[in-house]
Amino acid sequence: MSMSRHDIRRLAFQTLFAMSSNPDAVATDVYQTVLGKDIEAPEYLTQLVDGVNEHLAEIDEAISAHLKKGWPISRLNKTDLILMRIAVYEIKFVEEVPNKVSLNEALELSKEFSDETSRRFINGVLSNLI
């Protein structure tokens, strides 16, 4: 089963969201839930999920640097934060993905999982980061 990178990013968002809601969740178990039993997780999905988790402090620091002064990352909507984490991971660590693609993908996913205000916020933070 071949998936587009957009579909994989959506699955990465769903996986990271589930894992942030349940700290005891294991990525491989969540993959089974979002993909269905007996479907192997695409390599790029595991790269995104593992990469975000491994570089979380650095990613959050990059996001925090572009928030309003006195606005802690803990105040961000969880959906927006996870979408930005995926985009920042790609921007900082996935050379073959152009920065604009990462930004546009975050905005596309925000159309599915968030609202217009969040989309503008995500666009502002990521545009400043790029």
N, C-alpha and C. Protein backbone atom coordinates (compact mmCIF):
# COMPACT_ATOMS: atom_id res chain seq x y z
N MET A 1 0.85 -1.18 0.00
CA MET A 1 0.00 0.00 0.00
C MET A 1 0.89 1.24 0.00
N SER A 2 0.78 2.03 -1.04
CA SER A 2 1.61 3.23 -1.09
C SER A 2 0.79 4.43 -0.62
N MET A 3 1.45 5.29 0.13
CA MET A 3 0.79 6.48 0.68
C MET A 3 1.57 7.70 0.26
N SER A 4 0.84 8.81 0.12
CA SER A 4 1.50 10.07 -0.18
C SER A 4 2.18 10.58 1.10
N ARG A 5 3.12 11.48 0.93
CA ARG A 5 3.76 12.09 2.10
C ARG A 5 2.72 12.84 2.93
N HIS A 6 1.72 13.43 2.27
CA HIS A 6 0.66 14.13 3.00
C HIS A 6 -0.07 13.15 3.92
N ASP A 7 -0.43 11.99 3.38
CA ASP A 7 -1.11 10.97 4.19
C ASP A 7 -0.24 10.52 5.36
N ILE A 8 1.05 10.39 5.10
CA ILE A 8 1.98 9.96 6.15
C ILE A 8 2.09 11.04 7.23
N ARG A 9 2.12 12.31 6.82
CA ARG A 9 2.16 13.39 7.82
C ARG A 9 0.88 13.39 8.67
N ARG A 10 -0.26 13.11 8.04
CA ARG A 10 -1.52 13.03 8.79
C ARG A 10 -1.43 11.91 9.83
N LEU A 11 -0.91 10.76 9.43
CA LEU A 11 -0.74 9.64 10.36
C LEU A 11 0.26 9.98 11.46
N ALA A 12 1.31 10.70 11.11
CA ALA A 12 2.30 11.12 12.12
C ALA A 12 1.62 12.04 13.13
N PHE A 13 0.80 12.97 12.64
CA PHE A 13 0.07 13.86 13.55
C PHE A 13 -0.82 13.03 14.48
N GLN A 14 -1.58 12.10 13.92
CA GLN A 14 -2.49 11.29 14.73
C GLN A 14 -1.72 10.46 15.76
N THR A 15 -0.58 9.92 15.35
CA THR A 15 0.24 9.12 16.26
C THR A 15 0.81 9.98 17.39
N LEU A 16 1.39 11.14 17.03
CA LEU A 16 1.97 12.01 18.05
C LEU A 16 0.90 12.58 18.98
N PHE A 17 -0.27 12.86 18.44
CA PHE A 17 -1.38 13.35 19.27
C PHE A 17 -1.79 12.28 20.27
N ALA A 18 -1.94 11.05 19.79
CA ALA A 18 -2.31 9.94 20.69
C ALA A 18 -1.25 9.72 21.75
N MET A 19 0.02 9.80 21.36
CA MET A 19 1.10 9.58 22.31
C MET A 19 1.19 10.72 23.33
N SER A 20 0.84 11.94 22.92
CA SER A 20 0.87 13.04 23.88
C SER A 20 -0.31 12.96 24.85
N SER A 21 -1.38 12.32 24.43
CA SER A 21 -2.55 12.15 25.29
C SER A 21 -2.36 11.01 26.27
N ASN A 22 -1.53 10.04 25.89
CA ASN A 22 -1.27 8.88 26.73
C ASN A 22 0.23 8.62 26.77
N PRO A 23 0.92 9.16 27.79
CA PRO A 23 2.38 9.02 27.86
C PRO A 23 2.87 7.57 27.89
N ASP A 24 2.00 6.63 28.24
CA ASP A 24 2.40 5.22 28.27
C ASP A 24 2.26 4.54 26.91
N ALA A 25 1.69 5.24 25.94
CA ALA A 25 1.48 4.66 24.61
C ALA A 25 2.83 4.40 23.93
N VAL A 26 2.87 3.32 23.21
CA VAL A 26 4.07 2.93 22.45
C VAL A 26 3.75 3.17 20.97
N ALA A 27 4.69 3.78 20.26
CA ALA A 27 4.45 4.15 18.87
C ALA A 27 3.97 2.97 18.03
N THR A 28 4.58 1.81 18.18
CA THR A 28 4.19 0.66 17.34
C THR A 28 2.73 0.27 17.59
N ASP A 29 2.26 0.40 18.82
CA ASP A 29 0.86 0.10 19.12
C ASP A 29 -0.06 1.14 18.49
N VAL A 30 0.35 2.40 18.54
CA VAL A 30 -0.46 3.46 17.95
C VAL A 30 -0.50 3.29 16.43
N TYR A 31 0.62 2.89 15.81
CA TYR A 31 0.62 2.65 14.37
C TYR A 31 -0.45 1.63 14.00
N GLN A 32 -0.55 0.57 14.80
CA GLN A 32 -1.56 -0.48 14.55
C GLN A 32 -2.97 0.10 14.59
N THR A 33 -3.18 1.07 15.48
CA THR A 33 -4.49 1.69 15.60
C THR A 33 -4.79 2.60 14.42
N VAL A 34 -3.84 3.46 14.05
CA VAL A 34 -4.10 4.42 12.97
C VAL A 34 -4.01 3.79 11.58
N LEU A 35 -3.19 2.76 11.42
CA LEU A 35 -3.03 2.12 10.12
C LEU A 35 -3.94 0.92 9.94
N GLY A 36 -4.26 0.27 11.03
CA GLY A 36 -4.98 -0.99 10.96
C GLY A 36 -4.01 -2.13 11.21
N LYS A 37 -4.53 -3.20 11.72
CA LYS A 37 -3.69 -4.37 12.03
C LYS A 37 -3.00 -4.89 10.77
N ASP A 38 -1.83 -5.42 10.95
CA ASP A 38 -1.07 -6.10 9.91
C ASP A 38 -0.60 -5.19 8.76
N ILE A 39 -0.67 -3.88 8.95
CA ILE A 39 -0.12 -2.97 7.94
C ILE A 39 1.14 -2.37 8.53
N GLU A 40 2.24 -2.55 7.80
CA GLU A 40 3.52 -2.05 8.29
C GLU A 40 3.58 -0.53 8.15
N ALA A 41 4.10 0.11 9.19
CA ALA A 41 4.23 1.57 9.17
C ALA A 41 5.25 1.97 8.11
N PRO A 42 4.89 2.93 7.25
CA PRO A 42 5.85 3.41 6.26
C PRO A 42 7.09 3.99 6.95
N GLU A 43 8.22 3.85 6.30
CA GLU A 43 9.49 4.31 6.88
C GLU A 43 9.44 5.80 7.24
N TYR A 44 8.82 6.61 6.37
CA TYR A 44 8.78 8.05 6.65
C TYR A 44 7.92 8.36 7.87
N LEU A 45 6.90 7.57 8.12
CA LEU A 45 6.08 7.75 9.32
C LEU A 45 6.91 7.52 10.57
N THR A 46 7.65 6.44 10.61
CA THR A 46 8.48 6.18 11.80
C THR A 46 9.58 7.23 11.92
N GLN A 47 10.11 7.70 10.77
CA GLN A 47 11.13 8.75 10.81
C GLN A 47 10.56 10.02 11.45
N LEU A 48 9.35 10.42 11.04
CA LEU A 48 8.75 11.63 11.60
C LEU A 48 8.45 11.48 13.09
N VAL A 49 7.81 10.39 13.46
CA VAL A 49 7.42 10.20 14.86
C VAL A 49 8.66 10.07 15.75
N ASP A 50 9.60 9.23 15.35
CA ASP A 50 10.82 9.06 16.15
C ASP A 50 11.63 10.34 16.17
N GLY A 51 11.71 11.01 15.03
CA GLY A 51 12.49 12.24 14.94
C GLY A 51 11.94 13.34 15.83
N VAL A 52 10.62 13.53 15.80
CA VAL A 52 10.01 14.54 16.66
C VAL A 52 10.27 14.20 18.12
N ASN A 53 10.09 12.94 18.48
CA ASN A 53 10.30 12.54 19.88
C ASN A 53 11.76 12.67 20.31
N GLU A 54 12.69 12.31 19.43
CA GLU A 54 14.12 12.38 19.78
C GLU A 54 14.63 13.81 19.87
N HIS A 55 14.07 14.72 19.08
CA HIS A 55 14.55 16.10 19.02
C HIS A 55 13.56 17.08 19.64
N LEU A 56 12.70 16.58 20.52
CA LEU A 56 11.60 17.38 21.07
C LEU A 56 12.08 18.67 21.72
N ALA A 57 13.11 18.61 22.54
CA ALA A 57 13.59 19.81 23.24
C ALA A 57 14.08 20.86 22.24
N GLU A 58 14.83 20.44 21.25
CA GLU A 58 15.35 21.36 20.25
C GLU A 58 14.22 21.95 19.39
N ILE A 59 13.25 21.11 19.04
CA ILE A 59 12.11 21.57 18.24
C ILE A 59 11.29 22.58 19.04
N ASP A 60 10.99 22.26 20.29
CA ASP A 60 10.20 23.17 21.13
C ASP A 60 10.94 24.49 21.38
N GLU A 61 12.25 24.42 21.49
CA GLU A 61 13.05 25.63 21.66
C GLU A 61 12.94 26.52 20.42
N ALA A 62 12.98 25.90 19.23
CA ALA A 62 12.84 26.66 17.98
C ALA A 62 11.47 27.31 17.88
N ILE A 63 10.43 26.59 18.29
CA ILE A 63 9.07 27.15 18.28
C ILE A 63 8.98 28.28 19.30
N SER A 64 9.46 28.05 20.51
CA SER A 64 9.40 29.05 21.58
C SER A 64 10.07 30.36 21.18
N ALA A 65 11.15 30.26 20.42
CA ALA A 65 11.90 31.45 20.00
C ALA A 65 11.07 32.35 19.10
N HIS A 66 9.99 31.82 18.53
CA HIS A 66 9.17 32.60 17.61
C HIS A 66 7.78 32.89 18.16
N LEU A 67 7.60 32.69 19.47
CA LEU A 67 6.33 33.05 20.12
C LEU A 67 6.46 34.45 20.70
N LYS A 68 5.32 35.08 20.99
CA LYS A 68 5.34 36.39 21.63
C LYS A 68 6.08 36.29 22.95
N LYS A 69 6.75 37.36 23.31
CA LYS A 69 7.48 37.40 24.58
C LYS A 69 6.51 37.09 25.73
N GLY A 70 6.92 36.21 26.62
CA GLY A 70 6.11 35.85 27.76
C GLY A 70 5.03 34.81 27.45
N TRP A 71 5.04 34.28 26.24
CA TRP A 71 4.04 33.27 25.85
C TRP A 71 4.71 31.90 25.90
N PRO A 72 4.46 31.11 26.94
CA PRO A 72 5.12 29.80 27.04
C PRO A 72 4.52 28.77 26.08
N ILE A 73 5.33 27.84 25.67
CA ILE A 73 4.89 26.80 24.74
C ILE A 73 3.76 25.97 25.36
N SER A 74 3.74 25.88 26.68
CA SER A 74 2.70 25.11 27.38
C SER A 74 1.31 25.70 27.17
N ARG A 75 1.26 26.94 26.73
CA ARG A 75 -0.01 27.62 26.52
C ARG A 75 -0.63 27.33 25.15
N LEU A 76 0.16 26.72 24.28
CA LEU A 76 -0.31 26.44 22.93
C LEU A 76 -1.32 25.31 22.89
N ASN A 77 -2.24 25.41 21.98
CA ASN A 77 -3.20 24.36 21.69
C ASN A 77 -2.40 23.11 21.26
N LYS A 78 -2.75 21.95 21.80
CA LYS A 78 -1.98 20.73 21.53
C LYS A 78 -1.95 20.39 20.04
N THR A 79 -3.07 20.59 19.36
CA THR A 79 -3.12 20.31 17.92
C THR A 79 -2.12 21.17 17.17
N ASP A 80 -2.15 22.48 17.43
CA ASP A 80 -1.24 23.40 16.74
C ASP A 80 0.22 23.06 17.04
N LEU A 81 0.49 22.76 18.29
CA LEU A 81 1.86 22.45 18.70
C LEU A 81 2.38 21.21 17.96
N ILE A 82 1.58 20.17 17.88
CA ILE A 82 2.02 18.94 17.22
C ILE A 82 2.22 19.16 15.72
N LEU A 83 1.32 19.92 15.10
CA LEU A 83 1.50 20.24 13.68
C LEU A 83 2.80 21.01 13.46
N MET A 84 3.07 21.97 14.33
CA MET A 84 4.31 22.74 14.19
C MET A 84 5.53 21.88 14.48
N ARG A 85 5.44 20.97 15.43
CA ARG A 85 6.58 20.09 15.74
C ARG A 85 6.97 19.26 14.52
N ILE A 86 5.97 18.72 13.82
CA ILE A 86 6.26 17.93 12.63
C ILE A 86 6.95 18.80 11.58
N ALA A 87 6.40 19.99 11.34
CA ALA A 87 6.98 20.89 10.34
C ALA A 87 8.40 21.31 10.72
N VAL A 88 8.62 21.65 11.99
CA VAL A 88 9.95 22.08 12.43
C VAL A 88 10.93 20.91 12.32
N TYR A 89 10.49 19.71 12.65
CA TYR A 89 11.37 18.55 12.48
C TYR A 89 11.82 18.46 11.02
N GLU A 90 10.86 18.55 10.10
CA GLU A 90 11.22 18.45 8.68
C GLU A 90 12.15 19.60 8.26
N ILE A 91 11.85 20.80 8.71
CA ILE A 91 12.66 21.97 8.35
C ILE A 91 14.10 21.80 8.84
N LYS A 92 14.25 21.33 10.06
CA LYS A 92 15.59 21.24 10.65
C LYS A 92 16.35 19.96 10.31
N PHE A 93 15.64 18.86 10.07
CA PHE A 93 16.33 17.57 9.99
C PHE A 93 16.10 16.76 8.72
N VAL A 94 15.19 17.17 7.85
CA VAL A 94 14.91 16.39 6.63
C VAL A 94 15.28 17.26 5.43
N GLU A 95 16.50 17.09 4.97
CA GLU A 95 17.04 17.96 3.92
C GLU A 95 16.29 17.87 2.60
N GLU A 96 15.77 16.68 2.26
CA GLU A 96 15.15 16.52 0.94
C GLU A 96 13.77 17.18 0.85
N VAL A 97 13.21 17.64 1.98
CA VAL A 97 11.92 18.32 1.96
C VAL A 97 12.16 19.82 2.05
N PRO A 98 11.75 20.56 1.01
CA PRO A 98 11.92 22.03 1.06
C PRO A 98 11.12 22.64 2.22
N ASN A 99 11.67 23.69 2.81
CA ASN A 99 11.01 24.33 3.95
C ASN A 99 9.58 24.76 3.64
N LYS A 100 9.37 25.29 2.44
CA LYS A 100 8.02 25.74 2.05
C LYS A 100 7.03 24.58 2.01
N VAL A 101 7.51 23.40 1.63
CA VAL A 101 6.63 22.22 1.60
C VAL A 101 6.21 21.87 3.03
N SER A 102 7.16 21.89 3.96
CA SER A 102 6.83 21.60 5.36
C SER A 102 5.81 22.59 5.89
N LEU A 103 6.01 23.87 5.59
CA LEU A 103 5.08 24.91 6.01
C LEU A 103 3.69 24.67 5.41
N ASN A 104 3.64 24.45 4.09
CA ASN A 104 2.35 24.23 3.42
C ASN A 104 1.64 22.99 3.93
N GLU A 105 2.39 21.94 4.20
CA GLU A 105 1.78 20.71 4.73
C GLU A 105 1.17 20.96 6.12
N ALA A 106 1.87 21.71 6.95
CA ALA A 106 1.32 22.04 8.28
C ALA A 106 0.03 22.82 8.13
N LEU A 107 -0.01 23.75 7.17
CA LEU A 107 -1.22 24.54 6.95
C LEU A 107 -2.35 23.68 6.40
N GLU A 108 -2.04 22.76 5.50
CA GLU A 108 -3.06 21.85 4.96
C GLU A 108 -3.64 20.97 6.08
N LEU A 109 -2.77 20.44 6.92
CA LEU A 109 -3.26 19.59 8.02
C LEU A 109 -4.06 20.41 9.02
N SER A 110 -3.70 21.68 9.19
CA SER A 110 -4.47 22.53 10.12
C SER A 110 -5.88 22.76 9.60
N LYS A 111 -6.09 22.68 8.28
CA LYS A 111 -7.44 22.78 7.73
C LYS A 111 -8.30 21.61 8.17
N GLU A 112 -7.67 20.45 8.35
CA GLU A 112 -8.38 19.25 8.78
C GLU A 112 -8.60 19.20 10.29
N PHE A 113 -7.59 19.62 11.04
CA PHE A 113 -7.59 19.37 12.48
C PHE A 113 -7.73 20.61 13.34
N SER A 114 -7.76 21.80 12.73
CA SER A 114 -7.79 23.02 13.51
C SER A 114 -8.74 24.04 12.88
N ASP A 115 -8.52 25.32 13.13
CA ASP A 115 -9.39 26.35 12.57
C ASP A 115 -8.57 27.47 11.92
N GLU A 116 -9.27 28.45 11.37
CA GLU A 116 -8.61 29.53 10.62
C GLU A 116 -7.65 30.34 11.49
N THR A 117 -8.03 30.62 12.72
CA THR A 117 -7.16 31.38 13.63
C THR A 117 -5.88 30.61 13.87
N SER A 118 -6.00 29.33 14.11
CA SER A 118 -4.81 28.49 14.32
C SER A 118 -3.95 28.44 13.07
N ARG A 119 -4.58 28.35 11.92
CA ARG A 119 -3.84 28.30 10.66
C ARG A 119 -2.98 29.55 10.49
N ARG A 120 -3.55 30.72 10.79
CA ARG A 120 -2.79 31.97 10.69
C ARG A 120 -1.64 31.99 11.70
N PHE A 121 -1.91 31.49 12.91
CA PHE A 121 -0.88 31.43 13.95
C PHE A 121 0.27 30.52 13.52
N ILE A 122 -0.07 29.31 13.05
CA ILE A 122 0.94 28.36 12.60
C ILE A 122 1.75 28.95 11.45
N ASN A 123 1.07 29.59 10.53
CA ASN A 123 1.75 30.22 9.39
C ASN A 123 2.73 31.28 9.88
N GLY A 124 2.32 32.10 10.83
CA GLY A 124 3.19 33.14 11.36
C GLY A 124 4.43 32.60 12.03
N VAL A 125 4.25 31.61 12.89
CA VAL A 125 5.38 31.03 13.62
C VAL A 125 6.35 30.35 12.65
N LEU A 126 5.82 29.50 11.77
CA LEU A 126 6.70 28.76 10.87
C LEU A 126 7.34 29.68 9.83
N SER A 127 6.63 30.68 9.33
CA SER A 127 7.21 31.61 8.37
C SER A 127 8.38 32.36 9.00
N ASN A 128 8.21 32.79 10.24
CA ASN A 128 9.30 33.48 10.94
C ASN A 128 10.47 32.54 11.18
N LEU A 129 10.19 31.30 11.47
CA LEU A 129 11.26 30.31 11.71
C LEU A 129 12.06 30.07 10.42
N ILE A 130 11.35 29.99 9.31
CA ILE A 130 12.03 29.75 8.01
C ILE A 130 12.82 30.99 7.66
